[in-house]
Protein backbone atom coordinates (compact mmCIF):
# COMPACT_ATOMS: atom_id res chain seq x y z
CA MET A 1 -25.80 21.58 22.75
CA TRP A 2 -27.71 21.81 19.49
CA PRO A 3 -30.88 20.07 20.86
CA ILE A 4 -31.59 23.21 22.90
CA SER A 5 -32.15 25.05 19.62
CA LEU A 6 -35.23 22.88 19.15
CA ALA A 7 -36.88 24.41 22.22
CA GLY A 8 -40.19 25.96 21.26
CA THR A 9 -40.41 23.98 18.01
CA ALA A 10 -40.47 20.43 19.43
CA PRO A 11 -42.08 18.84 22.48
CA THR A 12 -40.14 19.29 25.70
CA TRP A 13 -39.60 15.55 26.12
CA VAL A 14 -37.99 15.33 22.66
CA VAL A 15 -35.56 18.12 23.54
CA VAL A 16 -34.71 16.44 26.86
CA VAL A 17 -34.15 13.01 25.28
CA LEU A 18 -31.96 14.44 22.49
CA SER A 19 -29.98 16.50 24.99
CA ILE A 20 -29.32 13.47 27.17
CA ALA A 21 -28.38 11.36 24.13
CA ASP A 22 -26.05 14.11 22.92
CA LEU A 23 -24.30 14.25 26.30
CA VAL A 24 -24.05 10.45 26.59
CA ILE A 25 -22.48 10.17 23.12
CA ARG A 26 -19.85 12.76 23.97
CA VAL A 27 -18.98 11.25 27.37
CA LEU A 28 -18.75 7.70 26.04
CA ALA A 29 -16.71 8.81 23.03
CA VAL A 30 -14.04 10.36 25.26
CA GLY A 31 -13.52 7.04 27.06
CA ILE A 32 -13.92 4.62 24.14
CA ILE A 33 -12.47 6.14 20.99
CA PRO A 34 -8.85 6.65 22.20
CA GLY A 35 -8.48 2.93 22.93
CA ASN A 36 -5.76 1.33 20.74
CA ARG A 37 -5.69 4.33 18.39
CA ARG A 38 -3.10 6.98 17.72
CA PRO A 39 -3.88 10.15 19.71
CA THR A 40 -4.14 12.08 16.42
CA THR A 41 -6.63 9.57 15.00
CA ALA A 42 -8.66 9.58 18.20
CA MET A 43 -8.69 13.39 18.26
CA ALA A 44 -9.95 13.55 14.67
CA TRP A 45 -12.86 11.25 15.50
CA LEU A 46 -13.63 13.12 18.73
CA LEU A 47 -13.72 16.44 16.89
CA GLY A 48 -16.20 15.01 14.41
CA ILE A 49 -18.42 13.58 17.14
CA PHE A 50 -18.31 16.76 19.24
CA PHE A 51 -19.23 18.98 16.28
CA ILE A 52 -21.92 16.66 14.84
CA PRO A 53 -22.61 13.99 17.50
CA PHE A 54 -25.15 11.76 15.75
CA VAL A 55 -23.64 11.97 12.26
CA GLY A 56 -20.14 11.62 13.73
CA LEU A 57 -21.19 8.52 15.66
CA ILE A 58 -22.67 6.89 12.54
CA LEU A 59 -19.49 7.60 10.57
CA PHE A 60 -17.37 6.19 13.39
CA LEU A 61 -19.42 2.99 13.49
CA LEU A 62 -18.97 2.63 9.73
CA PHE A 63 -15.30 3.59 9.43
CA GLY A 64 -13.82 3.51 12.93
CA ASN A 65 -12.86 -0.17 13.08
CA PHE A 66 -9.73 -0.79 11.01
CA LYS A 67 -9.48 -4.50 11.83
CA LEU A 68 -10.48 -7.33 9.56
CA SER A 69 -12.93 -9.95 10.76
CA ARG A 70 -11.83 -12.38 13.44
CA ARG A 71 -11.94 -15.24 10.89
CA ARG A 72 -9.53 -13.48 8.53
CA ARG A 73 -7.15 -12.56 11.34
CA GLN A 74 -7.17 -16.18 12.51
CA GLN A 75 -6.36 -17.35 8.98
CA GLN A 76 -3.40 -14.97 8.91
CA GLU A 77 -2.17 -16.44 12.19
CA ILE A 78 -2.62 -19.99 10.87
CA ILE A 79 -0.40 -19.48 7.84
CA ASN A 80 2.17 -17.58 9.95
CA THR A 81 2.28 -20.58 12.28
CA ARG A 82 2.67 -22.98 9.36
CA VAL A 83 5.64 -21.02 8.03
CA ARG A 84 7.28 -20.95 11.46
CA SER A 85 6.64 -24.61 12.25
CA GLY A 86 8.17 -26.02 9.09
CA ILE A 87 5.21 -26.94 6.90
CA SER A 88 6.61 -24.46 4.40
CA ALA A 89 10.08 -24.88 2.92
CA LEU A 90 10.82 -21.33 4.03
CA ALA A 91 10.86 -22.12 7.73
CA ASP A 92 14.51 -23.17 7.90
CA VAL A 93 15.94 -20.61 5.49
CA VAL A 94 18.84 -18.62 6.95
CA SER A 95 20.39 -15.73 5.04
CA GLU A 96 24.16 -15.35 4.83
CA TYR A 97 23.97 -11.68 3.90
CA PRO A 98 27.30 -10.09 4.95
CA GLY A 99 26.02 -6.54 5.39
CA PRO A 100 25.97 -4.34 8.49
CA GLU A 101 24.23 -5.38 11.68
CA TRP A 102 21.51 -2.75 11.38
CA VAL A 103 20.35 -4.35 8.12
CA LYS A 104 20.27 -7.80 9.72
CA SER A 105 18.34 -6.32 12.64
CA ALA A 106 15.73 -4.92 10.23
CA GLY A 107 15.48 -8.38 8.66
CA GLU A 108 14.87 -9.98 12.05
CA LEU A 109 12.17 -7.41 12.77
CA ASN A 110 10.46 -8.27 9.49
CA ARG A 111 10.64 -11.99 10.16
CA ARG A 112 9.09 -11.66 13.60
CA LEU A 113 6.28 -9.43 12.35
CA GLY A 114 5.53 -10.99 8.98
CA SER A 115 6.97 -14.52 9.41
CA LEU A 116 8.91 -14.39 6.13
CA PRO A 117 12.73 -14.72 6.10
CA MET A 118 15.46 -12.92 4.20
CA VAL A 119 16.46 -15.14 1.27
CA ASP A 120 19.68 -15.02 -0.74
CA GLY A 121 20.36 -15.71 -4.42
CA ASN A 122 17.73 -13.59 -6.14
CA SER A 123 17.83 -11.58 -9.35
CA VAL A 124 15.85 -8.35 -9.67
CA ASP A 125 15.09 -6.36 -12.82
CA LEU A 126 13.45 -2.96 -12.35
CA ILE A 127 10.84 -1.99 -14.96
CA PRO A 128 10.04 1.74 -14.93
CA GLY A 129 8.07 1.81 -18.19
CA TYR A 130 4.29 1.34 -17.90
CA PRO A 131 3.85 -0.60 -21.17
CA ASP A 132 7.14 -2.43 -20.56
CA SER A 133 5.87 -4.00 -17.35
CA ILE A 134 2.59 -5.09 -18.98
CA LEU A 135 4.58 -6.65 -21.83
CA ALA A 136 6.95 -8.45 -19.45
CA MET A 137 4.06 -9.92 -17.46
CA THR A 138 2.28 -10.97 -20.66
CA GLU A 139 5.34 -12.76 -21.99
CA ALA A 140 5.85 -14.55 -18.67
CA VAL A 141 2.22 -15.70 -18.58
CA ARG A 142 2.50 -17.08 -22.11
CA LYS A 143 5.37 -19.29 -20.93
CA ALA A 144 3.49 -20.56 -17.86
CA ARG A 145 3.30 -24.34 -17.48
CA LYS A 146 1.78 -24.95 -14.02
CA PHE A 147 0.14 -21.92 -12.44
CA VAL A 148 -0.30 -18.15 -12.57
CA ASN A 149 -1.38 -16.21 -9.48
CA ALA A 150 -2.32 -12.56 -10.04
CA GLU A 151 -3.40 -10.17 -7.31
CA PHE A 152 -3.96 -6.46 -8.00
CA TYR A 153 -5.82 -3.64 -6.30
CA ILE A 154 -7.35 -2.53 -9.62
CA MET A 155 -7.87 -4.62 -12.74
CA SER A 156 -9.49 -3.58 -16.00
CA THR A 157 -10.07 -4.76 -19.53
CA ASP A 158 -8.88 -2.03 -21.90
CA HIS A 159 -6.55 -1.44 -24.84
CA VAL A 160 -3.45 -1.67 -22.62
CA THR A 161 -4.36 -4.75 -20.55
CA ASP A 162 -6.21 -6.69 -23.26
CA ASP A 163 -3.18 -8.70 -24.38
CA LEU A 164 -2.32 -9.66 -20.81
CA LEU A 165 -5.88 -10.74 -20.03
CA THR A 166 -5.91 -12.73 -23.26
CA ALA A 167 -2.68 -14.45 -22.18
CA LEU A 168 -4.28 -15.35 -18.84
CA GLU A 169 -7.37 -16.74 -20.60
CA GLU A 170 -5.26 -18.78 -23.02
CA ALA A 171 -3.15 -20.15 -20.16
CA ALA A 172 -6.30 -21.31 -18.37
CA GLU A 173 -7.58 -22.91 -21.58
CA ARG A 174 -4.40 -24.99 -21.99
CA GLY A 175 -4.65 -26.33 -18.43
CA VAL A 176 -2.59 -23.88 -16.42
CA GLU A 177 -4.13 -23.07 -13.04
CA VAL A 178 -4.87 -19.35 -13.27
CA ARG A 179 -6.08 -17.55 -10.16
CA VAL A 180 -6.96 -13.86 -10.06
CA LEU A 181 -7.72 -11.63 -7.08
CA PHE A 182 -8.76 -7.99 -7.29
CA ASP A 183 -9.99 -5.54 -4.68
CA HIS A 184 -13.76 -5.26 -4.90
CA ILE A 185 -14.21 -1.54 -4.26
CA GLY A 186 -10.95 -0.48 -5.90
CA THR A 187 -11.87 -2.19 -9.18
CA LEU A 188 -15.59 -1.38 -8.96
CA ARG A 189 -14.81 2.35 -9.07
CA VAL A 190 -13.12 2.34 -12.48
CA LYS A 191 -14.91 2.50 -15.81
CA GLY A 192 -15.59 -0.86 -17.44
CA TYR A 193 -16.11 -2.96 -14.29
CA ARG A 194 -19.10 -4.85 -15.71
CA ASN A 195 -17.24 -5.70 -18.91
CA PHE A 196 -14.33 -6.94 -16.82
CA LEU A 197 -16.59 -9.26 -14.79
CA LYS A 198 -18.29 -10.46 -17.98
CA ARG A 199 -14.91 -11.39 -19.43
CA LEU A 200 -13.85 -13.29 -16.30
CA ARG A 201 -17.12 -15.21 -16.15
CA ALA A 202 -16.79 -16.27 -19.78
CA GLY A 203 -13.45 -18.06 -19.33
CA LYS A 204 -11.75 -20.66 -17.13
CA ILE A 205 -9.85 -18.26 -14.89
CA GLN A 206 -10.53 -18.82 -11.18
CA TRP A 207 -11.23 -15.41 -9.67
CA LYS A 208 -12.45 -13.75 -6.50
CA ARG A 209 -13.06 -10.25 -5.22
CA MET A 210 -10.81 -9.26 -2.32
CA LEU A 211 -12.49 -7.78 0.75
CA PRO A 212 -15.90 -7.92 -0.94
CA LEU A 213 -18.53 -5.54 0.36
CA LEU A 214 -21.73 -7.45 -0.38
CA PRO A 215 -24.16 -7.06 2.54
CA THR A 216 -26.81 -9.23 0.86
CA HIS A 217 -24.28 -12.09 0.91
CA GLY A 218 -23.32 -11.50 4.53
CA GLN A 219 -20.03 -9.87 3.54
CA TRP A 220 -19.64 -6.64 5.51
CA ARG A 221 -16.71 -4.77 7.05
CA ARG A 222 -15.40 -1.24 7.35
CA PRO A 223 -16.20 0.01 3.83
CA ASP A 224 -12.83 1.64 3.17
CA LEU A 225 -10.57 -1.30 4.06
CA ARG A 226 -8.66 -2.24 0.91
CA ASN A 227 -6.34 -4.94 -0.37
CA HIS A 228 -3.85 -2.69 -2.14
CA ARG A 229 -1.26 -5.36 -3.06
CA LYS A 230 0.16 -5.91 -6.54
CA ILE A 231 1.61 -9.39 -7.09
CA MET A 232 1.94 -11.80 -10.00
CA VAL A 233 3.63 -15.20 -9.63
CA ILE A 234 4.27 -17.57 -12.54
CA ASP A 235 5.14 -21.25 -11.88
CA GLY A 236 6.99 -20.29 -8.70
CA GLU A 237 9.86 -19.08 -10.93
CA PHE A 238 8.96 -15.48 -11.80
CA ALA A 239 7.26 -12.81 -9.74
CA PHE A 240 6.27 -9.22 -10.39
CA THR A 241 5.48 -6.62 -7.77
CA GLY A 242 5.55 -2.86 -7.33
CA SER A 243 3.15 0.06 -7.62
CA GLN A 244 1.29 -0.60 -10.86
CA ASN A 245 -2.32 -1.67 -11.23
CA LEU A 246 -3.53 -3.61 -14.27
CA ILE A 247 -5.23 -0.74 -16.07
CA GLU A 248 -4.26 1.73 -18.79
CA PRO A 249 -2.09 4.61 -17.49
CA SER A 250 -4.89 7.23 -17.42
CA TYR A 251 -7.19 4.89 -15.47
CA ASN A 252 -9.85 4.86 -18.20
CA ASN A 253 -10.74 8.42 -17.32
CA PRO A 254 -11.50 10.78 -20.27
CA LYS A 255 -10.64 13.83 -18.16
CA HIS A 256 -7.17 12.41 -17.42
CA ARG A 257 -6.60 11.64 -21.10
CA LYS A 258 -7.66 15.13 -22.15
CA ALA A 259 -5.25 16.66 -19.62
CA GLY A 260 -2.45 14.28 -20.67
CA ARG A 261 -2.37 12.87 -17.12
CA GLU A 262 -0.78 9.44 -16.85
CA TRP A 263 0.47 7.45 -13.87
CA VAL A 264 4.23 6.83 -13.59
CA GLU A 265 5.06 3.48 -12.00
CA LEU A 266 7.91 1.19 -10.99
CA MET A 267 7.62 -2.60 -11.09
CA ALA A 268 10.19 -5.32 -10.52
CA CYS A 269 10.61 -8.77 -12.05
CA LEU A 270 12.13 -11.15 -9.51
CA ARG A 271 13.58 -14.64 -9.71
CA GLY A 272 14.86 -16.91 -6.97
CA PRO A 273 13.54 -17.87 -3.51
CA ILE A 274 11.87 -14.47 -3.09
CA VAL A 275 9.24 -15.67 -5.58
CA THR A 276 8.06 -18.29 -3.10
CA THR A 277 7.72 -15.74 -0.30
CA LEU A 278 5.63 -13.48 -2.53
CA ASN A 279 3.48 -16.50 -3.36
CA VAL A 280 2.95 -17.04 0.39
CA VAL A 281 1.28 -13.61 0.49
CA PHE A 282 -0.95 -14.49 -2.47
CA ALA A 283 -1.76 -17.89 -0.92
CA THR A 284 -2.80 -16.18 2.31
CA ASP A 285 -5.19 -13.86 0.50
CA TRP A 286 -6.55 -16.68 -1.66
CA LEU A 287 -7.16 -18.77 1.46
CA SER A 288 -9.00 -15.84 3.06
CA GLU A 289 -11.34 -15.46 0.09
CA THR A 290 -11.86 -19.12 -0.87
CA ASP A 291 -10.80 -21.39 2.04
CA GLU A 292 -8.60 -23.22 -0.52
CA SER A 293 -5.04 -23.93 0.57
CA LEU A 294 -2.19 -23.50 -1.93
CA GLU A 295 0.52 -24.99 0.26
CA HIS A 296 1.54 -27.32 -2.56
CA GLN A 297 2.82 -24.25 -4.42
CA LEU A 298 4.97 -22.96 -1.57
CA GLN A 299 8.17 -24.81 -2.33
CA LEU A 300 11.48 -23.16 -3.10
CA PRO A 301 12.50 -23.37 -6.79
CA ALA A 302 14.48 -26.52 -7.52
CA ASN A 303 16.94 -24.83 -9.89
CA PRO A 304 16.89 -21.13 -9.12
CA GLU A 305 18.63 -18.72 -11.44
CA PRO A 306 21.83 -17.39 -9.88
CA GLY A 307 21.48 -13.95 -8.40
CA ASN A 308 23.30 -11.85 -5.84
CA VAL A 309 20.41 -9.94 -4.26
CA THR A 310 19.21 -10.78 -0.77
CA ALA A 311 15.52 -9.96 -0.42
CA GLN A 312 12.66 -10.14 2.06
CA VAL A 313 8.92 -9.78 1.61
CA VAL A 314 7.08 -7.66 4.18
CA PRO A 315 3.29 -8.09 4.22
CA SER A 316 1.28 -5.59 6.23
CA GLY A 317 -2.25 -4.45 6.87
CA PRO A 318 -5.23 -4.88 9.18
CA GLY A 319 -4.72 -8.65 9.14
CA PHE A 320 -1.66 -8.10 11.36
CA ILE A 321 -1.64 -6.78 14.93
CA THR A 322 1.31 -4.50 14.20
CA GLU A 323 1.95 -1.97 11.43
CA ASN A 324 4.74 -3.96 9.79
CA ASN A 325 5.55 -1.51 7.01
CA LEU A 326 5.68 1.55 9.28
CA ARG A 327 7.98 -0.21 11.75
CA LEU A 328 10.34 -1.24 8.95
CA PHE A 329 10.38 2.22 7.37
CA ASN A 330 11.16 3.91 10.70
CA THR A 331 13.86 1.38 11.55
CA LEU A 332 15.66 1.87 8.24
CA ILE A 333 15.38 5.65 8.28
CA TYR A 334 16.78 5.91 11.79
CA SER A 335 19.64 3.61 10.74
CA ALA A 336 20.66 5.69 7.71
CA GLN A 337 24.11 7.27 7.86
CA HIS A 338 24.56 9.03 4.52
CA ARG A 339 21.58 9.21 2.17
CA ILE A 340 17.84 8.62 2.03
CA SER A 341 15.82 8.93 -1.18
CA ILE A 342 12.04 8.53 -0.89
CA CYS A 343 9.40 8.35 -3.61
CA SER A 344 5.79 8.30 -2.43
CA PRO A 345 2.69 9.53 -4.29
CA TYR A 346 0.76 9.99 -1.04
CA PHE A 347 3.09 11.25 1.66
CA VAL A 348 1.04 11.88 4.81
CA PRO A 349 3.25 10.58 7.64
CA ASP A 350 2.27 9.93 11.21
CA ASP A 351 4.33 11.61 13.93
CA SER A 352 6.79 8.72 14.22
CA LEU A 353 7.67 8.73 10.51
CA LEU A 354 7.83 12.53 10.33
CA TYR A 355 10.24 12.59 13.29
CA ALA A 356 12.37 9.81 11.77
CA ILE A 357 12.76 11.68 8.47
CA THR A 358 13.33 15.14 9.92
CA THR A 359 15.73 13.75 12.55
CA ALA A 360 17.75 12.06 9.81
CA ALA A 361 18.06 15.36 7.94
CA GLN A 362 18.95 17.25 11.12
CA ARG A 363 21.77 14.83 11.94
CA GLY A 364 23.37 15.39 8.54
CA VAL A 365 21.91 12.64 6.37
CA ASP A 366 21.11 13.78 2.80
CA VAL A 367 17.34 13.28 2.52
CA GLU A 368 15.29 13.84 -0.63
CA LEU A 369 11.60 13.30 -1.29
CA PHE A 370 9.95 12.86 -4.69
CA VAL A 371 6.23 13.69 -4.90
CA SER A 372 3.83 14.81 -7.60
CA GLU A 373 3.52 18.51 -8.34
CA LYS A 374 -0.24 18.02 -8.57
CA GLY A 375 -1.90 15.07 -6.88
CA ASP A 376 -4.85 13.07 -8.17
CA GLN A 377 -6.63 12.99 -4.79
CA LEU A 378 -7.50 16.50 -3.66
CA LEU A 379 -7.84 15.98 0.10
CA VAL A 380 -4.77 13.76 0.39
CA HIS A 381 -2.70 16.14 -1.73
CA HIS A 382 -3.56 19.11 0.48
CA ALA A 383 -2.84 17.08 3.62
CA GLN A 384 0.53 16.14 2.12
CA ARG A 385 1.35 19.79 1.40
CA SER A 386 0.83 20.65 5.07
CA TYR A 387 4.04 18.74 5.92
CA TYR A 388 6.31 20.47 3.42
CA GLU A 389 7.29 23.37 5.69
CA ALA A 390 8.49 21.12 8.52
CA LEU A 391 10.40 18.93 6.06
CA LEU A 392 12.08 21.85 4.31
CA GLU A 393 13.02 23.52 7.59
CA ALA A 394 14.68 20.27 8.71
CA GLY A 395 16.76 20.18 5.52
CA VAL A 396 14.81 17.66 3.42
CA ARG A 397 14.99 18.43 -0.31
CA ILE A 398 11.60 18.10 -2.00
CA TYR A 399 11.30 17.46 -5.74
CA LEU A 400 7.93 18.02 -7.43
CA TYR A 401 7.40 15.69 -10.39
CA LYS A 402 5.99 17.86 -13.15
CA ALA A 403 2.27 17.87 -13.84
CA PRO A 404 0.18 16.56 -15.46
CA PHE A 405 1.89 13.24 -14.67
CA VAL A 406 1.17 11.46 -11.38
CA LEU A 407 4.28 9.92 -9.84
CA HIS A 408 2.66 6.79 -8.43
CA ALA A 409 5.86 4.75 -7.84
CA LYS A 410 6.49 3.72 -4.23
CA HIS A 411 10.07 3.04 -3.17
CA PHE A 412 13.02 4.35 -1.18
CA THR A 413 16.75 3.73 -0.76
CA ILE A 414 18.94 3.89 2.34
CA ASP A 415 22.70 4.54 2.00
CA ASP A 416 24.24 1.97 -0.36
CA GLU A 417 22.66 -0.93 1.50
CA VAL A 418 18.86 -1.11 1.18
CA ALA A 419 16.14 -0.50 -1.39
CA VAL A 420 12.46 -0.99 -0.58
CA LEU A 421 9.85 -1.38 -3.31
CA GLY A 422 6.19 -2.28 -3.20
CA SER A 423 2.58 -1.17 -2.99
CA SER A 424 2.79 0.82 0.24
CA ASN A 425 2.47 4.58 0.32
CA MET A 426 3.88 6.59 3.20
CA ASP A 427 0.54 7.57 4.65
CA MET A 428 -1.63 6.43 7.50
CA ARG A 429 -4.04 4.63 5.18
CA SER A 430 -1.24 2.33 3.98
CA PHE A 431 -0.01 1.80 7.53
CA SER A 432 -3.37 0.91 9.09
CA LEU A 433 -6.18 0.37 6.58
CA ASN A 434 -4.66 -1.15 3.44
CA MET A 435 -3.28 -4.64 3.01
CA GLU A 436 0.12 -3.93 1.45
CA VAL A 437 3.23 -5.79 0.34
CA SER A 438 6.77 -4.43 0.33
CA VAL A 439 10.06 -6.05 -0.66
CA MET A 440 13.31 -5.14 1.05
CA LEU A 441 16.23 -5.56 -1.38
CA LEU A 442 19.82 -5.59 -0.14
CA GLY A 443 23.13 -4.74 -1.76
CA ALA A 444 24.87 -1.90 -3.57
CA GLU A 445 23.93 -3.19 -7.03
CA ILE A 446 20.17 -3.01 -6.57
CA VAL A 447 20.48 0.31 -4.70
CA ASN A 448 22.43 1.77 -7.63
CA ASN A 449 19.78 0.53 -10.05
CA MET A 450 17.05 2.15 -7.97
CA ARG A 451 19.07 5.36 -7.72
CA ALA A 452 19.29 5.45 -11.52
CA VAL A 453 15.48 5.51 -11.61
CA GLU A 454 15.42 8.22 -8.96
CA ASP A 455 17.86 10.27 -11.04
CA THR A 456 15.37 10.34 -13.90
CA TYR A 457 12.73 11.71 -11.52
CA ARG A 458 15.05 14.48 -10.37
CA ASP A 459 15.88 15.48 -13.93
CA ILE A 460 12.25 16.28 -14.78
CA SER A 461 11.20 17.65 -11.39
CA ASN A 462 11.25 21.13 -9.90
CA GLU A 463 12.88 21.51 -6.50
CA LEU A 464 10.67 23.21 -3.93
CA MET A 465 12.50 25.90 -1.98
CA LEU A 466 11.53 26.94 1.54
CA GLU A 467 11.49 30.68 0.79
CA ASP A 468 9.08 30.14 -2.11
CA TRP A 469 6.87 27.82 -0.11
CA LEU A 470 6.49 30.32 2.72
CA GLN A 471 5.10 32.84 0.22
CA ARG A 472 2.08 30.73 -0.75
CA PRO A 473 -1.35 32.34 -0.19
CA LEU A 474 -2.98 32.19 3.24
CA ALA A 475 -6.03 30.52 1.73
CA ALA A 476 -3.85 27.65 0.48
CA ARG A 477 -2.32 27.26 3.94
CA TYR A 478 -5.78 27.13 5.48
CA ILE A 479 -6.96 24.40 3.10
CA ASP A 480 -3.78 22.37 3.68
CA ASN A 481 -4.19 22.55 7.45
CA VAL A 482 -7.87 21.59 7.37
CA ALA A 483 -7.03 18.61 5.15
CA ARG A 484 -4.32 17.58 7.61
CA LEU A 485 -6.95 17.19 10.33
CA THR A 486 -8.64 14.48 8.29
CA ALA A 487 -5.42 12.66 7.39
CA THR A 488 -5.64 10.12 10.19
CA VAL A 489 -9.09 8.92 9.12
CA GLN A 490 -8.76 9.13 5.30
């Protein structure tokens, strides 16, 4: 009861009022904060409020609500209803994928949560090279005839992205409808933001900030909600998605360049009906920011390129009631029979995901995890390290991608049946706070292609051994464990 310490230095009535307020905050917090939150998340907030009641309460009011506004949630429900009711060409699509029942069950789960079906006949090309993906997107934009929709967490004008931005500007000049979305806070934080806005304002590209935080314009929400998606759709025929932002690979940071630190990504170029479902996600976000409907774009391609990959888009985030990505990840991991390979730059699982992964290893499934040897976010990296002991003891093999590179790719494979690629990390921020997009890809061919990428990671990584990990200094353990306490509210 810290107000008591003011006795003798403040009037008695001030001490009494502060003491009563302190007690009221604590009592109310115990009954309010646990509502509709994970016990671990609730406990983290309660600890903060009990240690520093007034500061903790202010932080909770700022960051404790992970939902979007009622208007945005209603818009999400509207477009979900349109897809289900047949306004979209996707409503009646039925996949004929011949795989095992557990895969079809995962597809049904995704459809019920995200409203988007599994679609057959797609082609998928994985692009692991950072400049290669920028070049592929640039070439596709230069061929655009009708529209280009680009949505990225971070966008920048720099020596790597300049050609792509020029291609977007030229497309808009020749009459192509070019729409660009970028996360307000995510892009604001990188060097060159003002130059980027100046460039957008000078051309004919239609653009909007996603989840803008502009109190003077009446735009306010939990400050750390983010739209973390990465999507580009060209003419409804090509789509790109994955982990990469539109910025040079050191994020315009001189310290990263000096250290030789670059981000390692994985993108995919897709053709076929899956392009339309990715465009549904873009159209939803564009509708949320502009109130403009893009339903005229949401038609299946008339002459799709032949492909043998069945695919399904899984949108997730605070616009949905459920944590779509977490439910899918757990379902697939529990279904695995032989092998699980996971690549996640920020691996801070909740209890359900941790149990799914360790249970898989304990029942004899070969499980491997690829993470960066040295993370770019200090607190998250230490929280991630706090899980290594439990994973190693369960039999999970952990590969540390050599520093100074940051392994930012986000994907995993299950047996010879499923590959999942997208923007979602395996941490509680991606499950609850970020708007994410993942693509579930089915079939041995795409799994083998993804495994080939994973093989390159293994070749340049060091395997972490349990006996070595247990010898780390006590101070490092302490820091890891303290960081873990904050994981649920990061």
